[in-house]
Amino acid sequence: MQVLVINSSSTATMTEEIAEAARLAASPRMAITAVNPQDAPPAIQGAADGDAALPARRLRAV
């Protein structure tokens, strides 16, 4: 089974941490891929940041 995790912020280090946590929680048969947009805010801290993060036009796989 494959799981795609989408971090809506552009912070790659956070995406990597999310991916690692998902891998630790997943069964051995699960393949975890985590991505984040490159052109979104570095953090989603309110409605304006959320609006700026959508749509995620470009995703970067980690």
C-alpha atoms as a PDB file:
ATOM      1  CA  MET A   1       0.000   0.000   0.000  1.00  0.00           C
ATOM      2  CA  GLN A   2       1.194   3.499  -0.780  1.00  0.00           C
ATOM      3  CA  VAL A   3       0.391   6.564   1.334  1.00  0.00           C
ATOM      4  CA  LEU A   4       0.907  10.111   0.095  1.00  0.00           C
ATOM      5  CA  VAL A   5       1.309  12.707   2.860  1.00  0.00           C
ATOM      6  CA  ILE A   6       0.930  16.330   1.762  1.00  0.00           C
ATOM      7  CA  ASN A   7       2.396  19.067   3.952  1.00  0.00           C
ATOM      8  CA  SER A   8       0.744  22.319   2.845  1.00  0.00           C
ATOM      9  CA  SER A   9       3.678  24.472   3.977  1.00  0.00           C
ATOM     10  CA  SER A  10       6.899  24.808   1.988  1.00  0.00           C
ATOM     11  CA  THR A  11       9.248  23.834   4.815  1.00  0.00           C
ATOM     12  CA  ALA A  12      11.076  20.745   3.544  1.00  0.00           C
ATOM     13  CA  THR A  13      12.592  19.891   6.928  1.00  0.00           C
ATOM     14  CA  MET A  14       9.112  19.692   8.459  1.00  0.00           C
ATOM     15  CA  THR A  15       7.957  17.521   5.560  1.00  0.00           C
ATOM     16  CA  GLU A  16      10.896  15.182   6.207  1.00  0.00           C
ATOM     17  CA  GLU A  17       9.988  14.977   9.913  1.00  0.00           C
ATOM     18  CA  ILE A  18       6.356  14.241   9.038  1.00  0.00           C
ATOM     19  CA  ALA A  19       7.491  11.531   6.605  1.00  0.00           C
ATOM     20  CA  GLU A  20       9.719   9.916   9.228  1.00  0.00           C
ATOM     21  CA  ALA A  21       6.911   9.913  11.804  1.00  0.00           C
ATOM     22  CA  ALA A  22       4.570   8.359   9.258  1.00  0.00           C
ATOM     23  CA  ARG A  23       7.125   5.673   8.390  1.00  0.00           C
ATOM     24  CA  LEU A  24       7.594   4.811  12.063  1.00  0.00           C
ATOM     25  CA  ALA A  25       3.821   4.448  12.510  1.00  0.00           C
ATOM     26  CA  ALA A  26       3.205   2.574   9.249  1.00  0.00           C
ATOM     27  CA  SER A  27       3.227  -1.146   8.762  1.00  0.00           C
ATOM     28  CA  PRO A  28       6.219  -2.633   6.919  1.00  0.00           C
ATOM     29  CA  ARG A  29       4.047  -3.046   3.810  1.00  0.00           C
ATOM     30  CA  MET A  30       3.280   0.660   3.546  1.00  0.00           C
ATOM     31  CA  ALA A  31       5.327   2.956   1.330  1.00  0.00           C
ATOM     32  CA  ILE A  32       5.207   6.538   2.593  1.00  0.00           C
ATOM     33  CA  THR A  33       5.825   9.462   0.261  1.00  0.00           C
ATOM     34  CA  ALA A  34       5.693  12.991   1.648  1.00  0.00           C
ATOM     35  CA  VAL A  35       5.531  16.113  -0.496  1.00  0.00           C
ATOM     36  CA  ASN A  36       5.251  19.850  -0.048  1.00  0.00           C
ATOM     37  CA  PRO A  37       4.708  22.787  -2.414  1.00  0.00           C
ATOM     38  CA  GLN A  38       7.741  24.943  -3.076  1.00  0.00           C
ATOM     39  CA  ASP A  39       5.783  28.155  -3.551  1.00  0.00           C
ATOM     40  CA  ALA A  40       3.692  28.131  -0.346  1.00  0.00           C
ATOM     41  CA  PRO A  41       4.274  29.946   2.966  1.00  0.00           C
ATOM     42  CA  PRO A  42       6.918  28.325   5.213  1.00  0.00           C
ATOM     43  CA  ALA A  43       4.248  27.832   7.907  1.00  0.00           C
ATOM     44  CA  ILE A  44       0.452  27.833   7.932  1.00  0.00           C
ATOM     45  CA  GLN A  45      -0.447  30.062  10.856  1.00  0.00           C
ATOM     46  CA  GLY A  46      -3.788  31.466   9.821  1.00  0.00           C
ATOM     47  CA  ALA A  47      -6.367  31.806   7.093  1.00  0.00           C
ATOM     48  CA  ALA A  48      -4.174  34.031   4.913  1.00  0.00           C
ATOM     49  CA  ASP A  49      -1.352  31.463   4.964  1.00  0.00           C
ATOM     50  CA  GLY A  50      -3.823  28.696   4.206  1.00  0.00           C
ATOM     51  CA  ASP A  51      -5.184  30.627   1.245  1.00  0.00           C
ATOM     52  CA  ALA A  52      -1.648  31.302  -0.004  1.00  0.00           C
ATOM     53  CA  ALA A  53      -0.827  27.582   0.157  1.00  0.00           C
ATOM     54  CA  LEU A  54      -3.661  26.589  -2.196  1.00  0.00           C
ATOM     55  CA  PRO A  55      -3.680  25.294  -4.800  1.00  0.00           C
ATOM     56  CA  ALA A  56      -0.501  23.291  -4.445  1.00  0.00           C
ATOM     57  CA  ARG A  57       0.716  23.636  -8.010  1.00  0.00           C
ATOM     58  CA  ARG A  58       4.159  22.108  -7.579  1.00  0.00           C
ATOM     59  CA  LEU A  59       4.964  19.334  -5.125  1.00  0.00           C
ATOM     60  CA  ARG A  60       8.400  18.133  -4.102  1.00  0.00           C
ATOM     61  CA  ALA A  61       8.761  14.506  -3.050  1.00  0.00           C
ATOM     62  CA  VAL A  62      10.826  13.716   0.029  1.00  0.00           C
END
